[in-house]
Amino acid sequence: MPFEADLARALDRTADSLEPDLTALLGGAVERGRSRRRRRSARVVAGLGAGLGACAVIAVAAGLVAPGGFPGTRSAGSDMEPVALAVPRSAITGDQMVQALELTFPGGRFSRVSGQSNNPADPSGGYVANGELVVDDGQGAAMVGVSAVRLKLPLGDGGGLSCERSPARAKGDTCRLSELPSSAAVPGGAVVMTEQNAAEQPVRADTARRWTVTVTLRSTGAQLQLVEWNSTGGGSGGDVPKATRTAPPLSEQQVVAALTGAVWAPILGAVG
């Protein structure tokens, strides 16, 4: 699932949170421009950027949505139902997202830093907070990004909660669901979805890959998704810079520990 598919799901989430229900949300793109079936009325989101921080304004019917959409999106072209968002409990600034992201990669050198705030007081401001940067930990520069949203309860089978995919994955792509037990850090437990996806097909030796870890709290619907590339940029196919390293900066276990640890606890509490 290429990077812009991630962007698509976050934009879908934001659109689903708007009231009244929009019956003809038009747009397109998110780099792939594939039509998506919807449980409700047909919607298409317009606007995109080559990187996470580039997507700041989305046209939504009569108004504008600026979710910043980054990771946390569902696959473009899939038949999965859209995910409805709930209002975040309090505002999270783009600076907060960036600071937490930098603390997640201690000792790294950062460049191309950008962030996007959410706005719980105004749906047109977007309900998705995110941050993005390129980190160099001495093993090769890598783009990383994170998003924070709150899903409506009860949780369904939407983004970050199901490994169902269409179209078929590239060779070597993986997706796995697991559970975290209830604890002080994860009240009520959490669903963890981990993915690895090639940027293009057929996969070559220098093809970039993307690793995604999504943690969703069962009790509140608060969700964090962290995306790591083994290249310096997102995109699809030949638009993605070639691999700069073989593995992501952090392993799956390290990402889960970080997203459920002290650095991200204030973000999880604010969003959910």
Protein backbone atom coordinates (compact mmCIF):
# COMPACT_ATOMS: atom_id res chain seq x y z
CA MET A 1 0.00 0.00 0.00
CA PRO A 2 1.85 3.11 -1.16
CA PHE A 3 2.28 6.19 0.95
CA GLU A 4 -0.49 8.22 -0.66
CA ALA A 5 -2.91 5.45 0.23
CA ASP A 6 -2.12 6.27 3.84
CA LEU A 7 -2.92 9.88 3.07
CA ALA A 8 -6.22 8.86 1.53
CA ARG A 9 -7.50 7.10 4.64
CA ALA A 10 -6.77 10.09 6.92
CA LEU A 11 -8.65 12.34 4.53
CA ASP A 12 -11.53 9.88 4.43
CA ARG A 13 -11.62 9.87 8.22
CA THR A 14 -11.80 13.62 8.40
CA ALA A 15 -14.57 13.77 5.82
CA ASP A 16 -16.53 11.10 7.68
CA SER A 17 -16.46 13.20 10.84
CA LEU A 18 -18.25 16.16 9.26
CA GLU A 19 -21.90 16.90 9.93
CA PRO A 20 -24.25 17.08 8.16
CA ASP A 21 -23.45 13.99 6.15
CA LEU A 22 -22.17 15.09 2.75
CA THR A 23 -23.77 13.39 -0.23
CA ALA A 24 -21.35 14.30 -2.94
CA LEU A 25 -17.88 14.92 -1.71
CA LEU A 26 -15.81 15.28 -4.83
CA GLY A 27 -12.19 15.24 -5.47
CA GLY A 28 -9.77 12.80 -6.57
CA ALA A 29 -6.47 12.01 -6.14
CA VAL A 30 -4.09 11.45 -3.37
CA GLU A 31 -1.57 10.72 -6.14
CA ARG A 32 -3.39 7.62 -7.35
CA GLY A 33 -6.79 9.00 -8.24
CA ARG A 34 -8.71 5.76 -7.79
CA SER A 35 -12.40 5.75 -7.07
CA ARG A 36 -13.42 4.23 -3.77
CA ARG A 37 -16.70 2.60 -2.86
CA ARG A 38 -18.34 4.03 0.17
CA ARG A 39 -20.93 2.81 2.62
CA ARG A 40 -22.58 6.19 2.46
CA SER A 41 -22.78 8.63 -0.43
CA ALA A 42 -19.94 8.81 -2.91
CA ARG A 43 -17.12 11.04 -1.83
CA VAL A 44 -13.84 11.94 -3.37
CA VAL A 45 -11.21 14.06 -1.76
CA ALA A 46 -9.15 16.52 -3.80
CA GLY A 47 -5.69 17.81 -3.15
CA LEU A 48 -2.41 16.23 -2.28
CA GLY A 49 1.29 16.79 -1.89
CA ALA A 50 4.39 14.77 -2.58
CA GLY A 51 5.05 14.53 1.16
CA LEU A 52 3.05 14.53 4.35
CA GLY A 53 3.37 18.25 5.11
CA ALA A 54 2.38 19.24 1.58
CA CYS A 55 -1.24 18.22 2.01
CA ALA A 56 -2.76 21.00 4.09
CA VAL A 57 -6.05 21.99 2.49
CA ILE A 58 -8.81 19.71 1.24
CA ALA A 59 -11.88 20.93 -0.57
CA VAL A 60 -14.98 19.54 1.10
CA ALA A 61 -18.20 20.49 -0.63
CA ALA A 62 -18.96 24.09 0.40
CA GLY A 63 -16.10 24.40 2.86
CA LEU A 64 -12.49 23.48 3.39
CA VAL A 65 -10.98 20.75 5.50
CA ALA A 66 -7.34 20.94 6.51
CA PRO A 67 -6.59 17.61 8.16
CA GLY A 68 -3.02 17.53 6.96
CA GLY A 69 -3.68 13.91 6.24
CA PHE A 70 -0.72 11.72 6.68
CA PRO A 71 -0.43 8.24 7.96
CA GLY A 72 -3.61 6.73 9.22
CA THR A 73 -5.34 6.36 5.91
CA ARG A 74 -7.02 3.36 4.36
CA SER A 75 -6.03 1.89 1.04
CA ALA A 76 -7.17 3.68 -2.07
CA GLY A 77 -9.11 1.44 -4.39
CA SER A 78 -10.28 -0.84 -1.60
CA ASP A 79 -13.84 -1.86 -0.77
CA MET A 80 -13.33 -1.24 2.93
CA GLU A 81 -15.90 0.95 4.60
CA PRO A 82 -14.80 4.43 5.62
CA VAL A 83 -13.85 5.13 9.21
CA ALA A 84 -15.85 7.69 11.17
CA LEU A 85 -13.95 10.08 13.40
CA ALA A 86 -14.98 11.39 16.79
CA VAL A 87 -14.11 14.89 17.97
CA PRO A 88 -10.69 15.01 19.69
CA ARG A 89 -10.94 15.83 23.38
CA SER A 90 -8.56 18.77 23.08
CA ALA A 91 -6.39 20.48 20.50
CA ILE A 92 -2.99 19.12 19.54
CA THR A 93 -0.57 21.42 17.74
CA GLY A 94 1.69 20.49 14.89
CA ASP A 95 4.65 21.50 17.07
CA GLN A 96 3.56 18.99 19.72
CA MET A 97 3.40 16.23 17.11
CA VAL A 98 6.84 17.12 15.75
CA GLN A 99 8.40 17.32 19.22
CA ALA A 100 7.02 13.90 20.18
CA LEU A 101 8.21 12.47 16.86
CA GLU A 102 11.74 13.80 17.43
CA LEU A 103 11.78 12.34 20.96
CA THR A 104 10.82 8.98 19.43
CA PHE A 105 14.13 8.99 17.52
CA PRO A 106 16.67 10.20 20.11
CA GLY A 107 20.09 11.05 18.75
CA GLY A 108 18.85 11.49 15.21
CA ARG A 109 19.47 14.46 12.95
CA PHE A 110 16.27 15.93 11.55
CA SER A 111 15.39 17.76 8.36
CA ARG A 112 12.28 18.56 6.29
CA VAL A 113 10.27 18.94 9.48
CA SER A 114 6.54 19.77 9.27
CA GLY A 115 3.45 19.38 11.42
CA GLN A 116 -0.31 19.88 11.30
CA SER A 117 -2.64 20.76 14.18
CA ASN A 118 -6.12 19.39 14.70
CA ASN A 119 -9.07 21.61 15.60
CA PRO A 120 -11.72 19.97 17.79
CA ALA A 121 -13.74 23.20 17.89
CA ASP A 122 -14.18 23.35 14.12
CA PRO A 123 -14.64 20.33 11.83
CA SER A 124 -13.49 22.42 8.87
CA GLY A 125 -10.13 22.70 10.60
CA GLY A 126 -9.62 18.95 10.56
CA TYR A 127 -9.62 16.29 13.25
CA VAL A 128 -6.24 14.77 12.30
CA ALA A 129 -3.01 15.97 13.93
CA ASN A 130 0.23 14.89 12.33
CA GLY A 131 3.95 15.39 12.02
CA GLU A 132 6.62 14.45 9.50
CA LEU A 133 10.38 14.65 9.19
CA VAL A 134 13.44 12.98 7.71
CA VAL A 135 15.63 11.40 10.36
CA ASP A 136 19.25 10.35 9.95
CA ASP A 137 20.39 8.03 12.73
CA GLY A 138 23.71 7.25 11.10
CA GLN A 139 22.32 4.22 9.27
CA GLY A 140 20.80 6.17 6.38
CA ALA A 141 18.22 8.95 6.13
CA ALA A 142 14.57 7.91 6.38
CA MET A 143 11.24 9.70 6.14
CA VAL A 144 8.97 9.13 9.13
CA GLY A 145 5.51 10.45 9.87
CA VAL A 146 2.85 10.12 12.52
CA SER A 147 -0.86 10.89 12.83
CA ALA A 148 -3.25 11.10 15.79
CA VAL A 149 -7.01 10.70 15.46
CA ARG A 150 -9.96 9.50 17.50
CA LEU A 151 -12.24 6.85 16.00
CA LYS A 152 -15.90 6.68 16.88
CA LEU A 153 -16.92 3.89 19.23
CA PRO A 154 -17.71 1.06 18.95
CA LEU A 155 -14.70 0.25 16.82
CA GLY A 156 -15.41 -1.39 13.47
CA ASP A 157 -13.23 -2.97 10.81
CA GLY A 158 -11.94 0.23 9.27
CA GLY A 159 -8.47 1.76 9.03
CA GLY A 160 -5.91 0.38 11.43
CA LEU A 161 -8.22 -2.44 12.53
CA SER A 162 -8.29 -4.82 9.57
CA CYS A 163 -5.77 -6.38 7.20
CA GLU A 164 -8.28 -6.76 4.39
CA ARG A 165 -6.80 -5.23 1.25
CA SER A 166 -7.72 -4.66 -2.36
CA PRO A 167 -5.96 -4.73 -4.78
CA ALA A 168 -3.56 -7.55 -4.02
CA ARG A 169 -0.33 -6.76 -2.24
CA ALA A 170 3.10 -6.79 -3.79
CA LYS A 171 5.32 -9.80 -3.23
CA GLY A 172 6.76 -9.66 0.27
CA ASP A 173 4.15 -7.25 1.62
CA THR A 174 2.76 -8.20 5.01
CA CYS A 175 0.01 -7.20 7.43
CA ARG A 176 -0.59 -8.53 10.91
CA LEU A 177 -3.02 -7.79 13.74
CA SER A 178 -2.21 -8.26 17.40
CA GLU A 179 -3.58 -7.23 20.78
CA LEU A 180 -2.14 -5.34 23.72
CA PRO A 181 -3.61 -6.26 27.12
CA SER A 182 -5.13 -3.62 29.34
CA SER A 183 -2.61 -1.77 31.47
CA ALA A 184 -2.02 1.63 33.02
CA ALA A 185 -0.47 2.80 29.74
CA VAL A 186 -3.11 1.12 27.58
CA PRO A 187 -6.42 1.20 29.50
CA GLY A 188 -8.83 -1.32 28.07
CA GLY A 189 -6.19 -2.77 25.78
CA ALA A 190 -5.39 -1.91 22.18
CA VAL A 191 -5.40 -3.26 18.65
CA VAL A 192 -2.04 -3.13 16.87
CA MET A 193 -1.79 -3.40 13.09
CA THR A 194 1.67 -3.72 11.54
CA GLU A 195 2.34 -3.52 7.81
CA GLN A 196 5.25 -3.65 5.40
CA ASN A 197 4.70 -2.52 1.82
CA ALA A 198 6.85 -2.09 -1.27
CA ALA A 199 6.61 1.23 -3.07
CA GLU A 200 6.34 -0.35 -6.51
CA GLN A 201 5.75 -3.55 -8.42
CA PRO A 202 7.64 -5.52 -9.52
CA VAL A 203 9.87 -5.21 -6.49
CA ARG A 204 13.56 -4.64 -7.25
CA ALA A 205 16.64 -4.68 -5.08
CA ASP A 206 16.58 -0.90 -4.66
CA THR A 207 12.81 -0.56 -4.21
CA ALA A 208 11.88 1.51 -1.17
CA ARG A 209 9.62 0.04 1.50
CA ARG A 210 7.29 1.46 4.10
CA TRP A 211 6.67 0.09 7.60
CA THR A 212 3.46 1.15 9.36
CA VAL A 213 2.41 0.55 12.96
CA THR A 214 -1.09 1.56 14.06
CA VAL A 215 -2.12 1.47 17.73
CA THR A 216 -5.81 1.96 18.56
CA LEU A 217 -7.07 2.12 22.15
CA ARG A 218 -10.24 0.08 22.60
CA SER A 219 -11.57 2.22 25.45
CA THR A 220 -11.43 5.62 23.76
CA GLY A 221 -10.83 5.08 20.06
CA ALA A 222 -7.61 7.13 20.25
CA GLN A 223 -5.32 6.04 17.46
CA LEU A 224 -1.68 6.73 16.65
CA GLN A 225 -0.10 5.59 13.42
CA LEU A 226 3.63 5.81 12.73
CA VAL A 227 5.05 5.31 9.24
CA GLU A 228 8.73 4.69 8.51
CA TRP A 229 10.31 4.60 5.06
CA ASN A 230 13.73 3.24 4.22
CA SER A 231 14.08 6.18 1.82
CA THR A 232 13.95 9.96 2.09
CA GLY A 233 10.48 10.43 0.66
CA GLY A 234 7.05 8.99 0.15
CA GLY A 235 5.11 8.58 -3.07
CA SER A 236 4.37 5.68 -5.36
CA GLY A 237 6.28 3.76 -7.99
CA GLY A 238 9.13 5.63 -9.60
CA ASP A 239 8.27 8.80 -7.63
CA VAL A 240 9.73 7.31 -4.45
CA PRO A 241 13.45 7.89 -3.81
CA LYS A 242 15.46 4.68 -3.84
CA ALA A 243 16.16 2.83 -0.61
CA THR A 244 18.80 4.40 1.63
CA ARG A 245 18.88 1.52 4.12
CA THR A 246 17.58 -2.04 4.51
CA ALA A 247 15.55 -1.64 7.70
CA PRO A 248 13.48 1.15 9.26
CA PRO A 249 14.98 3.27 12.06
CA LEU A 250 12.84 1.52 14.69
CA SER A 251 11.60 -2.06 14.86
CA GLU A 252 7.93 -2.90 15.27
CA GLN A 253 8.43 -3.63 18.96
CA GLN A 254 10.25 -0.33 19.48
CA VAL A 255 7.49 1.61 17.73
CA VAL A 256 4.74 -0.02 19.81
CA ALA A 257 6.70 0.68 23.00
CA ALA A 258 7.18 4.30 21.97
CA LEU A 259 3.57 4.95 20.98
CA THR A 260 2.31 3.49 24.27
CA GLY A 261 5.03 5.13 26.37
CA ALA A 262 5.50 8.41 28.20
CA VAL A 263 6.32 10.53 25.13
CA TRP A 264 3.03 9.86 23.36
CA ALA A 265 0.81 9.52 26.46
CA PRO A 266 -0.19 13.22 26.42
CA ILE A 267 -1.12 12.98 22.72
CA LEU A 268 -3.22 9.86 23.28
CA GLY A 269 -4.93 11.55 26.21
CA ALA A 270 -5.64 14.72 24.26
CA VAL A 271 -7.03 12.99 21.21
CA GLY A 272 -9.06 10.38 23.08
